[in-house]
Amino acid sequence: EQAFARNDLLTLAVCQAVPILPEVSAVMAGVAR
């Protein structure tokens, strides 16, 4: 959770950069609460 939280907003903001990353980022955001 803490590792994802360090760059959570930036990761989500550019998640369309790589295929599959949007889905992974969304699920990881939920996992990281």
PDB file of all heavy atoms in Angstrom:
ATOM      1  N   GLU A   1       0.834  -1.208   0.000  1.00  0.00           N
ATOM      2  CA  GLU A   1       0.000   0.000   0.000  1.00  0.00           C
ATOM      3  C   GLU A   1       0.865   1.254   0.000  1.00  0.00           C
ATOM      4  O   GLU A   1       0.610   2.203  -0.751  1.00  0.00           O
ATOM      5  CB  GLU A   1      -0.913  -0.004   1.224  1.00  0.00           C
ATOM      6  CG  GLU A   1      -1.979  -1.082   1.209  1.00  0.00           C
ATOM      7  CD  GLU A   1      -2.902  -0.979   2.408  1.00  0.00           C
ATOM      8  OE1 GLU A   1      -2.854   0.047   3.120  1.00  0.00           O
ATOM      9  OE2 GLU A   1      -3.688  -1.923   2.637  1.00  0.00           O
ATOM     10  N   GLN A   2       1.878   1.270   0.842  1.00  0.00           N
ATOM     11  CA  GLN A   2       2.737   2.447   0.942  1.00  0.00           C
ATOM     12  C   GLN A   2       3.531   2.680  -0.336  1.00  0.00           C
ATOM     13  O   GLN A   2       3.699   3.821  -0.775  1.00  0.00           O
ATOM     14  CB  GLN A   2       3.676   2.293   2.137  1.00  0.00           C
ATOM     15  CG  GLN A   2       2.962   2.282   3.477  1.00  0.00           C
ATOM     16  CD  GLN A   2       3.861   1.848   4.626  1.00  0.00           C
ATOM     17  OE1 GLN A   2       5.071   1.702   4.453  1.00  0.00           O
ATOM     18  NE2 GLN A   2       3.272   1.622   5.797  1.00  0.00           N
ATOM     19  N   ALA A   3       3.988   1.596  -0.962  1.00  0.00           N
ATOM     20  CA  ALA A   3       4.759   1.730  -2.203  1.00  0.00           C
ATOM     21  C   ALA A   3       3.893   2.301  -3.318  1.00  0.00           C
ATOM     22  O   ALA A   3       4.343   3.170  -4.085  1.00  0.00           O
ATOM     23  CB  ALA A   3       5.324   0.366  -2.609  1.00  0.00           C
ATOM     24  N   PHE A   4       2.651   1.838  -3.428  1.00  0.00           N
ATOM     25  CA  PHE A   4       1.765   2.362  -4.463  1.00  0.00           C
ATOM     26  C   PHE A   4       1.401   3.814  -4.181  1.00  0.00           C
ATOM     27  O   PHE A   4       1.282   4.630  -5.105  1.00  0.00           O
ATOM     28  CB  PHE A   4       0.498   1.512  -4.554  1.00  0.00           C
ATOM     29  CG  PHE A   4      -0.427   1.908  -5.675  1.00  0.00           C
ATOM     30  CD1 PHE A   4      -0.208   1.469  -6.971  1.00  0.00           C
ATOM     31  CD2 PHE A   4      -1.507   2.744  -5.442  1.00  0.00           C
ATOM     32  CE1 PHE A   4      -1.043   1.848  -8.011  1.00  0.00           C
ATOM     33  CE2 PHE A   4      -2.355   3.132  -6.475  1.00  0.00           C
ATOM     34  CZ  PHE A   4      -2.121   2.682  -7.760  1.00  0.00           C
ATOM     35  N   ALA A   5       1.227   4.143  -2.896  1.00  0.00           N
ATOM     36  CA  ALA A   5       0.792   5.492  -2.520  1.00  0.00           C
ATOM     37  C   ALA A   5       1.819   6.560  -2.879  1.00  0.00           C
ATOM     38  O   ALA A   5       1.465   7.726  -3.049  1.00  0.00           O
ATOM     39  CB  ALA A   5       0.492   5.540  -1.025  1.00  0.00           C
ATOM     40  N   ARG A   6       3.092   6.184  -3.027  1.00  0.00           N
ATOM     41  CA  ARG A   6       4.132   7.189  -3.314  1.00  0.00           C
ATOM     42  C   ARG A   6       3.890   7.894  -4.642  1.00  0.00           C
ATOM     43  O   ARG A   6       4.185   9.075  -4.789  1.00  0.00           O
ATOM     44  CB  ARG A   6       5.511   6.516  -3.333  1.00  0.00           C
ATOM     45  CG  ARG A   6       5.965   6.012  -1.975  1.00  0.00           C
ATOM     46  CD  ARG A   6       7.425   5.605  -1.986  1.00  0.00           C
ATOM     47  NE  ARG A   6       7.764   4.865  -0.766  1.00  0.00           N
ATOM     48  CZ  ARG A   6       7.945   3.558  -0.717  1.00  0.00           C
ATOM     49  NH1 ARG A   6       7.856   2.831  -1.813  1.00  0.00           N
ATOM     50  NH2 ARG A   6       8.243   2.970   0.423  1.00  0.00           N
ATOM     51  N   ASN A   7       3.380   7.167  -5.632  1.00  0.00           N
ATOM     52  CA  ASN A   7       3.160   7.764  -6.962  1.00  0.00           C
ATOM     53  C   ASN A   7       1.765   7.420  -7.488  1.00  0.00           C
ATOM     54  O   ASN A   7       1.580   7.298  -8.696  1.00  0.00           O
ATOM     55  CB  ASN A   7       4.216   7.258  -7.952  1.00  0.00           C
ATOM     56  CG  ASN A   7       5.605   7.771  -7.642  1.00  0.00           C
ATOM     57  OD1 ASN A   7       5.853   8.974  -7.627  1.00  0.00           O
ATOM     58  ND2 ASN A   7       6.516   6.864  -7.364  1.00  0.00           N
ATOM     59  N   ASP A   8       0.794   7.263  -6.594  1.00  0.00           N
ATOM     60  CA  ASP A   8      -0.506   6.765  -7.026  1.00  0.00           C
ATOM     61  C   ASP A   8      -1.190   7.684  -8.037  1.00  0.00           C
ATOM     62  O   ASP A   8      -1.647   7.222  -9.094  1.00  0.00           O
ATOM     63  CB  ASP A   8      -1.422   6.511  -5.823  1.00  0.00           C
ATOM     64  CG  ASP A   8      -1.541   7.723  -4.891  1.00  0.00           C
ATOM     65  OD1 ASP A   8      -0.933   8.775  -5.184  1.00  0.00           O
ATOM     66  OD2 ASP A   8      -2.226   7.586  -3.857  1.00  0.00           O
ATOM     67  N   LEU A   9      -1.234   8.984  -7.775  1.00  0.00           N
ATOM     68  CA  LEU A   9      -1.914   9.901  -8.698  1.00  0.00           C
ATOM     69  C   LEU A   9      -1.212   9.957 -10.047  1.00  0.00           C
ATOM     70  O   LEU A   9      -1.874   9.932 -11.099  1.00  0.00           O
ATOM     71  CB  LEU A   9      -1.989  11.307  -8.087  1.00  0.00           C
ATOM     72  CG  LEU A   9      -3.036  11.534  -6.999  1.00  0.00           C
ATOM     73  CD1 LEU A   9      -2.951  12.956  -6.476  1.00  0.00           C
ATOM     74  CD2 LEU A   9      -4.439  11.254  -7.531  1.00  0.00           C
ATOM     75  N   LEU A  10       0.107  10.035 -10.043  1.00  0.00           N
ATOM     76  CA  LEU A  10       0.848  10.111 -11.303  1.00  0.00           C
ATOM     77  C   LEU A  10       0.697   8.821 -12.107  1.00  0.00           C
ATOM     78  O   LEU A  10       0.553   8.853 -13.328  1.00  0.00           O
ATOM     79  CB  LEU A  10       2.331  10.386 -11.023  1.00  0.00           C
ATOM     80  CG  LEU A  10       2.665  11.787 -10.516  1.00  0.00           C
ATOM     81  CD1 LEU A  10       4.136  11.882 -10.157  1.00  0.00           C
ATOM     82  CD2 LEU A  10       2.307  12.840 -11.556  1.00  0.00           C
ATOM     83  N   THR A  11       0.732   7.682 -11.411  1.00  0.00           N
ATOM     84  CA  THR A  11       0.571   6.404 -12.100  1.00  0.00           C
ATOM     85  C   THR A  11      -0.776   6.337 -12.794  1.00  0.00           C
ATOM     86  O   THR A  11      -0.880   5.933 -13.964  1.00  0.00           O
ATOM     87  CB  THR A  11       0.697   5.232 -11.103  1.00  0.00           C
ATOM     88  OG1 THR A  11       2.002   5.259 -10.518  1.00  0.00           O
ATOM     89  CG2 THR A  11       0.491   3.901 -11.814  1.00  0.00           C
ATOM     90  N   LEU A  12      -1.837   6.735 -12.111  1.00  0.00           N
ATOM     91  CA  LEU A  12      -3.172   6.699 -12.693  1.00  0.00           C
ATOM     92  C   LEU A  12      -3.302   7.706 -13.835  1.00  0.00           C
ATOM     93  O   LEU A  12      -3.978   7.439 -14.838  1.00  0.00           O
ATOM     94  CB  LEU A  12      -4.228   6.989 -11.620  1.00  0.00           C
ATOM     95  CG  LEU A  12      -4.364   5.915 -10.527  1.00  0.00           C
ATOM     96  CD1 LEU A  12      -5.283   6.407  -9.417  1.00  0.00           C
ATOM     97  CD2 LEU A  12      -4.904   4.622 -11.113  1.00  0.00           C
ATOM     98  N   ALA A  13      -2.657   8.873 -13.690  1.00  0.00           N
ATOM     99  CA  ALA A  13      -2.787   9.925 -14.697  1.00  0.00           C
ATOM    100  C   ALA A  13      -2.164   9.539 -16.031  1.00  0.00           C
ATOM    101  O   ALA A  13      -2.614   9.982 -17.090  1.00  0.00           O
ATOM    102  CB  ALA A  13      -2.168  11.224 -14.188  1.00  0.00           C
ATOM    103  N   VAL A  14      -1.125   8.691 -16.001  1.00  0.00           N
ATOM    104  CA  VAL A  14      -0.451   8.314 -17.259  1.00  0.00           C
ATOM    105  C   VAL A  14      -0.631   6.832 -17.576  1.00  0.00           C
ATOM    106  O   VAL A  14       0.097   6.279 -18.391  1.00  0.00           O
ATOM    107  CB  VAL A  14       1.064   8.654 -17.201  1.00  0.00           C
ATOM    108  CG1 VAL A  14       1.261  10.139 -16.989  1.00  0.00           C
ATOM    109  CG2 VAL A  14       1.776   7.856 -16.122  1.00  0.00           C
ATOM    110  N   CYS A  15      -1.644   6.208 -16.963  1.00  0.00           N
ATOM    111  CA  CYS A  15      -1.786   4.755 -17.093  1.00  0.00           C
ATOM    112  C   CYS A  15      -2.143   4.300 -18.504  1.00  0.00           C
ATOM    113  O   CYS A  15      -1.989   3.118 -18.832  1.00  0.00           O
ATOM    114  CB  CYS A  15      -2.824   4.225 -16.101  1.00  0.00           C
ATOM    115  SG  CYS A  15      -4.517   4.779 -16.408  1.00  0.00           S
ATOM    116  N   GLN A  16      -2.613   5.212 -19.367  1.00  0.00           N
ATOM    117  CA  GLN A  16      -2.937   4.820 -20.737  1.00  0.00           C
ATOM    118  C   GLN A  16      -1.699   4.697 -21.608  1.00  0.00           C
ATOM    119  O   GLN A  16      -1.803   4.374 -22.790  1.00  0.00           O
ATOM    120  CB  GLN A  16      -3.895   5.846 -21.361  1.00  0.00           C
ATOM    121  CG  GLN A  16      -5.271   5.909 -20.716  1.00  0.00           C
ATOM    122  CD  GLN A  16      -6.094   4.659 -20.964  1.00  0.00           C
ATOM    123  OE1 GLN A  16      -5.853   3.923 -21.917  1.00  0.00           O
ATOM    124  NE2 GLN A  16      -7.078   4.408 -20.113  1.00  0.00           N
ATOM    125  N   ALA A  17      -0.533   4.928 -21.024  1.00  0.00           N
ATOM    126  CA  ALA A  17       0.699   4.904 -21.818  1.00  0.00           C
ATOM    127  C   ALA A  17       1.038   3.516 -22.333  1.00  0.00           C
ATOM    128  O   ALA A  17       1.612   3.372 -23.411  1.00  0.00           O
ATOM    129  CB  ALA A  17       1.870   5.438 -20.991  1.00  0.00           C
ATOM    130  N   VAL A  18       0.687   2.502 -21.580  1.00  0.00           N
ATOM    131  CA  VAL A  18       1.090   1.138 -21.922  1.00  0.00           C
ATOM    132  C   VAL A  18      -0.138   0.234 -21.875  1.00  0.00           C
ATOM    133  O   VAL A  18      -0.940   0.332 -20.940  1.00  0.00           O
ATOM    134  CB  VAL A  18       2.148   0.615 -20.917  1.00  0.00           C
ATOM    135  CG1 VAL A  18       2.582  -0.800 -21.283  1.00  0.00           C
ATOM    136  CG2 VAL A  18       3.349   1.549 -20.883  1.00  0.00           C
ATOM    137  N   PRO A  19      -0.331  -0.634 -22.867  1.00  0.00           N
ATOM    138  CA  PRO A  19      -1.458  -1.575 -22.817  1.00  0.00           C
ATOM    139  C   PRO A  19      -1.442  -2.388 -21.521  1.00  0.00           C
ATOM    140  O   PRO A  19      -0.377  -2.737 -21.012  1.00  0.00           O
ATOM    141  CB  PRO A  19      -1.221  -2.464 -24.046  1.00  0.00           C
ATOM    142  CG  PRO A  19      -0.427  -1.622 -24.981  1.00  0.00           C
ATOM    143  CD  PRO A  19       0.462  -0.782 -24.112  1.00  0.00           C
ATOM    144  N   ILE A  20      -2.608  -2.654 -20.999  1.00  0.00           N
ATOM    145  CA  ILE A  20      -2.814  -3.461 -19.790  1.00  0.00           C
ATOM    146  C   ILE A  20      -2.568  -2.639 -18.520  1.00  0.00           C
ATOM    147  O   ILE A  20      -3.136  -2.919 -17.470  1.00  0.00           O
ATOM    148  CB  ILE A  20      -1.944  -4.750 -19.762  1.00  0.00           C
ATOM    149  CG1 ILE A  20      -2.264  -5.623 -20.978  1.00  0.00           C
ATOM    150  CG2 ILE A  20      -2.170  -5.553 -18.499  1.00  0.00           C
ATOM    151  CD1 ILE A  20      -1.383  -6.859 -21.081  1.00  0.00           C
ATOM    152  N   LEU A  21      -1.752  -1.571 -18.607  1.00  0.00           N
ATOM    153  CA  LEU A  21      -1.468  -0.766 -17.425  1.00  0.00           C
ATOM    154  C   LEU A  21      -2.717  -0.120 -16.814  1.00  0.00           C
ATOM    155  O   LEU A  21      -2.803  -0.048 -15.584  1.00  0.00           O
ATOM    156  CB  LEU A  21      -0.432   0.306 -17.761  1.00  0.00           C
ATOM    157  CG  LEU A  21       0.066   1.152 -16.587  1.00  0.00           C
ATOM    158  CD1 LEU A  21       0.706   0.283 -15.524  1.00  0.00           C
ATOM    159  CD2 LEU A  21       1.056   2.213 -17.078  1.00  0.00           C
ATOM    160  N   PRO A  22      -3.698   0.368 -17.606  1.00  0.00           N
ATOM    161  CA  PRO A  22      -4.898   0.951 -16.978  1.00  0.00           C
ATOM    162  C   PRO A  22      -5.624  -0.025 -16.065  1.00  0.00           C
ATOM    163  O   PRO A  22      -6.015   0.326 -14.945  1.00  0.00           O
ATOM    164  CB  PRO A  22      -5.766   1.351 -18.184  1.00  0.00           C
ATOM    165  CG  PRO A  22      -4.809   1.534 -19.297  1.00  0.00           C
ATOM    166  CD  PRO A  22      -3.726   0.525 -19.076  1.00  0.00           C
ATOM    167  N   GLU A  23      -5.799  -1.270 -16.537  1.00  0.00           N
ATOM    168  CA  GLU A  23      -6.498  -2.268 -15.722  1.00  0.00           C
ATOM    169  C   GLU A  23      -5.695  -2.609 -14.475  1.00  0.00           C
ATOM    170  O   GLU A  23      -6.231  -2.683 -13.365  1.00  0.00           O
ATOM    171  CB  GLU A  23      -6.738  -3.544 -16.539  1.00  0.00           C
ATOM    172  CG  GLU A  23      -7.590  -3.332 -17.772  1.00  0.00           C
ATOM    173  CD  GLU A  23      -6.782  -3.061 -19.026  1.00  0.00           C
ATOM    174  OE1 GLU A  23      -5.774  -2.323 -18.920  1.00  0.00           O
ATOM    175  OE2 GLU A  23      -7.128  -3.573 -20.094  1.00  0.00           O
ATOM    176  N   VAL A  24      -4.387  -2.812 -14.660  1.00  0.00           N
ATOM    177  CA  VAL A  24      -3.515  -3.143 -13.530  1.00  0.00           C
ATOM    178  C   VAL A  24      -3.508  -2.002 -12.511  1.00  0.00           C
ATOM    179  O   VAL A  24      -3.609  -2.231 -11.295  1.00  0.00           O
ATOM    180  CB  VAL A  24      -2.083  -3.433 -14.017  1.00  0.00           C
ATOM    181  CG1 VAL A  24      -1.127  -3.575 -12.835  1.00  0.00           C
ATOM    182  CG2 VAL A  24      -2.053  -4.697 -14.867  1.00  0.00           C
ATOM    183  N   SER A  25      -3.411  -0.768 -12.977  1.00  0.00           N
ATOM    184  CA  SER A  25      -3.357   0.388 -12.082  1.00  0.00           C
ATOM    185  C   SER A  25      -4.649   0.526 -11.280  1.00  0.00           C
ATOM    186  O   SER A  25      -4.615   0.820 -10.076  1.00  0.00           O
ATOM    187  CB  SER A  25      -3.108   1.667 -12.882  1.00  0.00           C
ATOM    188  OG  SER A  25      -1.884   1.614 -13.571  1.00  0.00           O
ATOM    189  N   ALA A  26      -5.789   0.325 -11.943  1.00  0.00           N
ATOM    190  CA  ALA A  26      -7.071   0.449 -11.251  1.00  0.00           C
ATOM    191  C   ALA A  26      -7.211  -0.614 -10.169  1.00  0.00           C
ATOM    192  O   ALA A  26      -7.625  -0.322  -9.040  1.00  0.00           O
ATOM    193  CB  ALA A  26      -8.220   0.347 -12.256  1.00  0.00           C
ATOM    194  N   VAL A  27      -6.867  -1.851 -10.512  1.00  0.00           N
ATOM    195  CA  VAL A  27      -6.968  -2.935  -9.522  1.00  0.00           C
ATOM    196  C   VAL A  27      -5.976  -2.700  -8.384  1.00  0.00           C
ATOM    197  O   VAL A  27      -6.315  -2.892  -7.202  1.00  0.00           O
ATOM    198  CB  VAL A  27      -6.718  -4.302 -10.189  1.00  0.00           C
ATOM    199  CG1 VAL A  27      -6.676  -5.408  -9.142  1.00  0.00           C
ATOM    200  CG2 VAL A  27      -7.816  -4.603 -11.207  1.00  0.00           C
ATOM    201  N   MET A  28      -4.753  -2.266  -8.713  1.00  0.00           N
ATOM    202  CA  MET A  28      -3.753  -2.013  -7.684  1.00  0.00           C
ATOM    203  C   MET A  28      -4.186  -0.885  -6.748  1.00  0.00           C
ATOM    204  O   MET A  28      -3.904  -0.919  -5.543  1.00  0.00           O
ATOM    205  CB  MET A  28      -2.406  -1.674  -8.315  1.00  0.00           C
ATOM    206  CG  MET A  28      -1.656  -2.867  -8.867  1.00  0.00           C
ATOM    207  SD  MET A  28      -1.293  -4.118  -7.614  1.00  0.00           S
ATOM    208  CE  MET A  28      -0.438  -3.147  -6.378  1.00  0.00           C
ATOM    209  N   ALA A  29      -4.870   0.112  -7.302  1.00  0.00           N
ATOM    210  CA  ALA A  29      -5.369   1.203  -6.448  1.00  0.00           C
ATOM    211  C   ALA A  29      -6.365   0.666  -5.426  1.00  0.00           C
ATOM    212  O   ALA A  29      -6.378   1.100  -4.270  1.00  0.00           O
ATOM    213  CB  ALA A  29      -6.025   2.277  -7.313  1.00  0.00           C
ATOM    214  N   GLY A  30      -7.207  -0.282  -5.860  1.00  0.00           N
ATOM    215  CA  GLY A  30      -8.142  -0.895  -4.927  1.00  0.00           C
ATOM    216  C   GLY A  30      -7.433  -1.762  -3.912  1.00  0.00           C
ATOM    217  O   GLY A  30      -7.743  -1.724  -2.711  1.00  0.00           O
ATOM    218  N   VAL A  31      -6.473  -2.549  -4.372  1.00  0.00           N
ATOM    219  CA  VAL A  31      -5.696  -3.410  -3.470  1.00  0.00           C
ATOM    220  C   VAL A  31      -4.987  -2.562  -2.407  1.00  0.00           C
ATOM    221  O   VAL A  31      -4.950  -2.923  -1.225  1.00  0.00           O
ATOM    222  CB  VAL A  31      -4.663  -4.235  -4.264  1.00  0.00           C
ATOM    223  CG1 VAL A  31      -3.699  -4.938  -3.320  1.00  0.00           C
ATOM    224  CG2 VAL A  31      -5.364  -5.250  -5.159  1.00  0.00           C
ATOM    225  N   ALA A  32      -4.438  -1.413  -2.836  1.00  0.00           N
ATOM    226  CA  ALA A  32      -3.715  -0.528  -1.927  1.00  0.00           C
ATOM    227  C   ALA A  32      -4.648   0.333  -1.087  1.00  0.00           C
ATOM    228  O   ALA A  32      -4.181   1.165  -0.303  1.00  0.00           O
ATOM    229  CB  ALA A  32      -2.758   0.358  -2.714  1.00  0.00           C
ATOM    230  N   ARG A  33      -5.956   0.157  -1.259  1.00  0.00           N
ATOM    231  CA  ARG A  33      -6.968   0.892  -0.492  1.00  0.00           C
ATOM    232  C   ARG A  33      -6.812   2.410  -0.639  1.00  0.00           C
ATOM    233  O   ARG A  33      -6.917   3.172   0.331  1.00  0.00           O
ATOM    234  CB  ARG A  33      -6.928   0.476   0.985  1.00  0.00           C
ATOM    235  CG  ARG A  33      -7.273  -0.995   1.190  1.00  0.00           C
ATOM    236  CD  ARG A  33      -7.369  -1.366   2.643  1.00  0.00           C
ATOM    237  NE  ARG A  33      -7.809  -2.749   2.781  1.00  0.00           N
ATOM    238  CZ  ARG A  33      -9.067  -3.155   2.751  1.00  0.00           C
ATOM    239  NH1 ARG A  33     -10.030  -2.254   2.578  1.00  0.00           N
ATOM    240  NH2 ARG A  33      -9.381  -4.426   2.884  1.00  0.00           N
TER     241      ARG A  33
END
